[in-house]
């Protein structure tokens, strides 16, 4: 671990990608639950967002609620709100693509 920080620290540090050590006495269950319930939205080179909003065992209402939550977050973070969203599609893993907007 000492060599890791010494050699890769100058490269990973400015990018914010340094690992954070977890103390041995900490309970991992709350940490894992918090990390599993977060959603990371990233737009790199293309103006598209791909997000997992549900799983097969979820009800249709829960998935619709998750989609509304994502749209609410996008409304808050986009300059012009939902008017900047050109189209939206839903796709299951092996299923067809369905256009929503």
N, C-alpha and C. Protein backbone atom coordinates (compact mmCIF):
# COMPACT_ATOMS: atom_id res chain seq x y z
N UNK A 1 0.83 -1.19 0.00
CA UNK A 1 0.00 0.00 0.00
C UNK A 1 0.87 1.25 0.00
N UNK A 2 2.02 1.17 0.63
CA UNK A 2 2.92 2.32 0.64
C UNK A 2 3.39 2.64 -0.77
N UNK A 3 3.76 1.63 -1.52
CA UNK A 3 4.21 1.84 -2.89
C UNK A 3 3.08 2.34 -3.78
N UNK A 4 1.88 1.90 -3.52
CA UNK A 4 0.73 2.33 -4.31
C UNK A 4 0.58 3.84 -4.23
N UNK A 5 0.58 4.36 -3.02
CA UNK A 5 0.41 5.80 -2.84
C UNK A 5 1.58 6.60 -3.38
N UNK A 6 2.76 6.06 -3.27
CA UNK A 6 3.94 6.79 -3.70
C UNK A 6 4.01 6.89 -5.22
N UNK A 7 3.71 5.79 -5.92
CA UNK A 7 3.84 5.80 -7.38
C UNK A 7 2.58 6.28 -8.10
N UNK A 8 1.43 5.86 -7.63
CA UNK A 8 0.19 6.23 -8.33
C UNK A 8 -0.49 7.46 -7.76
N UNK A 9 -0.07 7.90 -6.59
CA UNK A 9 -0.68 9.07 -5.96
C UNK A 9 -0.62 10.33 -6.81
N UNK A 10 0.54 10.66 -7.41
CA UNK A 10 0.59 11.86 -8.24
C UNK A 10 -0.32 11.79 -9.47
N UNK A 11 -0.62 10.59 -9.94
CA UNK A 11 -1.48 10.45 -11.12
C UNK A 11 -2.95 10.42 -10.73
N UNK A 12 -3.29 9.60 -9.72
CA UNK A 12 -4.69 9.41 -9.34
C UNK A 12 -5.21 10.52 -8.42
N UNK A 13 -4.34 11.14 -7.64
CA UNK A 13 -4.76 12.15 -6.69
C UNK A 13 -5.49 13.33 -7.31
N UNK A 14 -4.90 14.00 -8.31
CA UNK A 14 -5.59 15.15 -8.91
C UNK A 14 -6.90 14.78 -9.60
N UNK A 15 -7.07 13.54 -9.99
CA UNK A 15 -8.31 13.11 -10.65
C UNK A 15 -9.39 12.70 -9.65
N UNK A 16 -9.05 12.65 -8.37
CA UNK A 16 -10.01 12.26 -7.34
C UNK A 16 -10.29 10.77 -7.33
N UNK A 17 -9.32 9.95 -7.74
CA UNK A 17 -9.54 8.52 -7.84
C UNK A 17 -8.71 7.72 -6.85
N UNK A 18 -8.18 8.36 -5.84
CA UNK A 18 -7.41 7.64 -4.83
C UNK A 18 -8.35 6.79 -3.98
N UNK A 19 -7.96 5.56 -3.67
CA UNK A 19 -8.81 4.73 -2.82
C UNK A 19 -8.84 5.26 -1.40
N UNK A 20 -9.98 5.07 -0.76
CA UNK A 20 -10.13 5.50 0.63
C UNK A 20 -10.09 4.25 1.52
N UNK A 21 -9.10 4.15 2.38
CA UNK A 21 -9.01 2.96 3.23
C UNK A 21 -10.19 2.91 4.21
N UNK A 22 -10.69 1.71 4.44
CA UNK A 22 -11.80 1.49 5.37
C UNK A 22 -11.22 0.89 6.65
N UNK A 23 -11.50 1.49 7.81
CA UNK A 23 -10.98 0.92 9.06
C UNK A 23 -11.54 -0.48 9.29
N UNK A 24 -10.77 -1.30 9.98
CA UNK A 24 -11.17 -2.69 10.21
C UNK A 24 -12.36 -2.80 11.14
N UNK A 25 -12.60 -1.80 11.97
CA UNK A 25 -13.68 -1.89 12.96
C UNK A 25 -15.03 -1.39 12.44
N UNK A 26 -15.09 -0.88 11.23
CA UNK A 26 -16.34 -0.33 10.70
C UNK A 26 -17.25 -1.45 10.20
N UNK A 27 -18.57 -1.25 10.37
CA UNK A 27 -19.55 -2.20 9.83
C UNK A 27 -19.80 -1.83 8.37
N UNK A 28 -19.71 -2.81 7.49
CA UNK A 28 -19.82 -2.55 6.06
C UNK A 28 -21.25 -2.51 5.54
N UNK A 29 -22.20 -3.07 6.28
CA UNK A 29 -23.59 -3.12 5.79
C UNK A 29 -24.18 -1.74 5.50
N UNK A 30 -24.10 -0.76 6.42
CA UNK A 30 -24.65 0.56 6.07
C UNK A 30 -23.92 1.23 4.92
N UNK A 31 -22.62 1.02 4.84
CA UNK A 31 -21.84 1.59 3.75
C UNK A 31 -22.24 1.00 2.41
N UNK A 32 -22.42 -0.32 2.37
CA UNK A 32 -22.83 -0.98 1.13
C UNK A 32 -24.23 -0.57 0.71
N UNK A 33 -25.16 -0.45 1.66
CA UNK A 33 -26.52 -0.03 1.34
C UNK A 33 -26.53 1.38 0.75
N UNK A 34 -25.72 2.27 1.33
CA UNK A 34 -25.67 3.64 0.83
C UNK A 34 -25.09 3.68 -0.58
N UNK A 35 -24.04 2.92 -0.83
CA UNK A 35 -23.44 2.92 -2.15
C UNK A 35 -24.33 2.26 -3.19
N UNK A 36 -25.09 1.23 -2.81
CA UNK A 36 -25.98 0.56 -3.76
C UNK A 36 -27.20 1.40 -4.09
N UNK A 37 -27.57 2.32 -3.21
CA UNK A 37 -28.77 3.12 -3.47
C UNK A 37 -28.44 4.42 -4.19
N UNK A 38 -27.18 4.68 -4.50
CA UNK A 38 -26.83 5.90 -5.21
C UNK A 38 -26.80 5.64 -6.71
N UNK A 39 -27.03 6.70 -7.46
CA UNK A 39 -27.00 6.64 -8.92
C UNK A 39 -26.00 7.67 -9.39
N UNK A 40 -25.12 7.26 -10.27
CA UNK A 40 -24.13 8.17 -10.83
C UNK A 40 -24.49 8.42 -12.28
N UNK A 41 -24.71 9.67 -12.59
CA UNK A 41 -25.04 10.07 -13.95
C UNK A 41 -23.81 10.74 -14.53
N UNK A 42 -23.32 10.23 -15.65
CA UNK A 42 -22.16 10.83 -16.28
C UNK A 42 -22.38 11.09 -17.75
N UNK A 43 -22.00 12.27 -18.17
CA UNK A 43 -22.07 12.62 -19.57
C UNK A 43 -20.66 13.01 -19.98
N UNK A 44 -20.02 12.17 -20.76
CA UNK A 44 -18.63 12.44 -21.13
C UNK A 44 -18.56 13.16 -22.46
N UNK A 45 -18.54 12.44 -23.55
CA UNK A 45 -18.39 13.06 -24.86
C UNK A 45 -19.72 13.22 -25.57
N UNK A 46 -20.64 12.32 -25.34
CA UNK A 46 -21.94 12.40 -26.01
C UNK A 46 -22.97 12.99 -25.06
N UNK A 47 -23.97 13.59 -25.63
CA UNK A 47 -25.05 14.15 -24.83
C UNK A 47 -26.11 13.09 -24.60
N UNK A 48 -25.73 12.00 -23.93
CA UNK A 48 -26.69 10.95 -23.61
C UNK A 48 -26.42 10.45 -22.20
N UNK A 49 -27.46 9.98 -21.56
CA UNK A 49 -27.36 9.48 -20.20
C UNK A 49 -27.96 8.08 -20.18
N UNK A 50 -27.24 7.14 -19.59
CA UNK A 50 -27.74 5.77 -19.46
C UNK A 50 -27.76 5.42 -17.98
N UNK A 51 -28.94 5.07 -17.48
CA UNK A 51 -29.11 4.82 -16.06
C UNK A 51 -29.92 3.55 -15.86
N UNK A 52 -29.53 2.75 -14.88
CA UNK A 52 -30.31 1.59 -14.48
C UNK A 52 -31.37 2.10 -13.50
N UNK A 53 -32.64 1.88 -13.82
CA UNK A 53 -33.72 2.39 -12.97
C UNK A 53 -34.52 1.29 -12.28
N UNK A 54 -34.19 0.05 -12.53
CA UNK A 54 -34.95 -1.02 -11.89
C UNK A 54 -34.38 -2.38 -12.21
N UNK A 55 -35.04 -3.37 -11.63
CA UNK A 55 -34.66 -4.75 -11.88
C UNK A 55 -35.92 -5.55 -12.20
N UNK A 56 -35.73 -6.79 -12.56
CA UNK A 56 -36.84 -7.62 -13.01
C UNK A 56 -37.86 -7.88 -11.90
N UNK A 57 -37.41 -7.94 -10.66
CA UNK A 57 -38.33 -8.26 -9.57
C UNK A 57 -39.09 -7.04 -9.05
N UNK A 58 -38.87 -5.86 -9.59
CA UNK A 58 -39.57 -4.65 -9.16
C UNK A 58 -40.91 -4.52 -9.87
N UNK A 59 -41.86 -3.88 -9.22
CA UNK A 59 -43.16 -3.65 -9.84
C UNK A 59 -43.07 -2.48 -10.82
N UNK A 60 -44.06 -2.38 -11.70
CA UNK A 60 -44.09 -1.31 -12.69
C UNK A 60 -44.17 0.06 -12.02
N UNK A 61 -44.89 0.15 -10.93
CA UNK A 61 -45.03 1.42 -10.21
C UNK A 61 -43.70 1.88 -9.64
N UNK A 62 -42.91 0.93 -9.09
CA UNK A 62 -41.61 1.28 -8.54
C UNK A 62 -40.65 1.77 -9.62
N UNK A 63 -40.68 1.12 -10.77
CA UNK A 63 -39.82 1.54 -11.87
C UNK A 63 -40.24 2.91 -12.38
N UNK A 64 -41.54 3.15 -12.48
CA UNK A 64 -42.03 4.46 -12.92
C UNK A 64 -41.63 5.55 -11.92
N UNK A 65 -41.68 5.22 -10.64
CA UNK A 65 -41.26 6.18 -9.60
C UNK A 65 -39.76 6.49 -9.73
N UNK A 66 -38.95 5.47 -10.00
CA UNK A 66 -37.52 5.69 -10.18
C UNK A 66 -37.24 6.57 -11.40
N UNK A 67 -37.99 6.35 -12.47
CA UNK A 67 -37.81 7.16 -13.69
C UNK A 67 -38.19 8.61 -13.40
N UNK A 68 -39.27 8.83 -12.67
CA UNK A 68 -39.68 10.19 -12.30
C UNK A 68 -38.63 10.86 -11.43
N UNK A 69 -38.01 10.10 -10.53
CA UNK A 69 -36.95 10.65 -9.68
C UNK A 69 -35.76 11.08 -10.51
N UNK A 70 -35.37 10.26 -11.48
CA UNK A 70 -34.25 10.62 -12.36
C UNK A 70 -34.59 11.86 -13.16
N UNK A 71 -35.81 11.96 -13.68
CA UNK A 71 -36.22 13.14 -14.45
C UNK A 71 -36.25 14.39 -13.57
N UNK A 72 -36.63 14.24 -12.31
CA UNK A 72 -36.64 15.37 -11.39
C UNK A 72 -35.22 15.87 -11.15
N UNK A 73 -34.29 14.96 -10.97
CA UNK A 73 -32.89 15.35 -10.77
C UNK A 73 -32.34 16.03 -12.02
N UNK A 74 -32.68 15.50 -13.19
CA UNK A 74 -32.24 16.14 -14.44
C UNK A 74 -32.85 17.53 -14.59
N UNK A 75 -34.12 17.70 -14.18
CA UNK A 75 -34.76 19.01 -14.23
C UNK A 75 -33.99 20.03 -13.40
N UNK A 76 -33.57 19.61 -12.21
CA UNK A 76 -32.85 20.52 -11.34
C UNK A 76 -31.46 20.87 -11.88
N UNK A 77 -30.82 19.94 -12.56
CA UNK A 77 -29.43 20.14 -12.96
C UNK A 77 -29.27 20.68 -14.37
N UNK A 78 -30.26 20.54 -15.23
CA UNK A 78 -30.17 21.08 -16.58
C UNK A 78 -30.60 22.54 -16.58
N UNK A 79 -29.98 23.34 -17.42
CA UNK A 79 -30.28 24.76 -17.46
C UNK A 79 -31.73 25.05 -17.85
N UNK A 80 -32.23 24.36 -18.87
CA UNK A 80 -33.58 24.61 -19.37
C UNK A 80 -34.58 23.54 -18.96
N UNK A 81 -34.20 22.68 -18.04
CA UNK A 81 -35.11 21.66 -17.54
C UNK A 81 -35.39 20.56 -18.55
N UNK A 82 -36.62 20.06 -18.54
CA UNK A 82 -36.99 18.95 -19.41
C UNK A 82 -37.04 19.31 -20.88
N UNK A 83 -37.05 20.59 -21.17
CA UNK A 83 -37.06 20.98 -22.59
C UNK A 83 -35.75 20.62 -23.28
N UNK A 84 -34.70 20.35 -22.52
CA UNK A 84 -33.43 19.93 -23.10
C UNK A 84 -33.39 18.43 -23.37
N UNK A 85 -34.35 17.67 -22.88
CA UNK A 85 -34.38 16.23 -23.11
C UNK A 85 -35.08 15.99 -24.43
N UNK A 86 -34.34 15.51 -25.40
CA UNK A 86 -34.89 15.32 -26.74
C UNK A 86 -35.70 14.03 -26.83
N UNK A 87 -35.18 12.94 -26.29
CA UNK A 87 -35.89 11.67 -26.34
C UNK A 87 -35.46 10.81 -25.16
N UNK A 88 -36.32 9.84 -24.84
CA UNK A 88 -36.03 8.93 -23.74
C UNK A 88 -36.52 7.54 -24.13
N UNK A 89 -35.69 6.55 -23.85
CA UNK A 89 -35.98 5.18 -24.20
C UNK A 89 -35.83 4.30 -22.97
N UNK A 90 -36.62 3.23 -22.92
CA UNK A 90 -36.49 2.22 -21.88
C UNK A 90 -36.18 0.90 -22.56
N UNK A 91 -35.21 0.17 -21.99
CA UNK A 91 -34.82 -1.10 -22.59
C UNK A 91 -34.50 -2.08 -21.49
N UNK A 92 -35.03 -3.28 -21.61
CA UNK A 92 -34.62 -4.35 -20.71
C UNK A 92 -33.35 -4.98 -21.27
N UNK A 93 -32.75 -5.88 -20.53
CA UNK A 93 -31.48 -6.44 -20.94
C UNK A 93 -31.55 -7.12 -22.30
N UNK A 94 -32.50 -8.00 -22.50
CA UNK A 94 -32.60 -8.72 -23.77
C UNK A 94 -33.86 -8.32 -24.55
N UNK A 95 -34.54 -7.29 -24.11
CA UNK A 95 -35.79 -6.92 -24.76
C UNK A 95 -35.63 -5.81 -25.77
N UNK A 96 -36.72 -5.44 -26.42
CA UNK A 96 -36.67 -4.37 -27.41
C UNK A 96 -36.63 -2.99 -26.73
N UNK A 97 -36.26 -1.99 -27.50
CA UNK A 97 -36.22 -0.61 -27.03
C UNK A 97 -37.60 0.00 -27.18
N UNK A 98 -38.09 0.69 -26.14
CA UNK A 98 -39.39 1.34 -26.17
C UNK A 98 -39.17 2.83 -25.98
N UNK A 99 -39.69 3.64 -26.91
CA UNK A 99 -39.54 5.09 -26.82
C UNK A 99 -40.60 5.65 -25.88
N UNK A 100 -40.18 6.46 -24.92
CA UNK A 100 -41.09 7.08 -23.96
C UNK A 100 -41.39 8.50 -24.37
N UNK A 101 -40.37 9.25 -24.67
CA UNK A 101 -40.54 10.67 -25.08
C UNK A 101 -40.04 10.80 -26.51
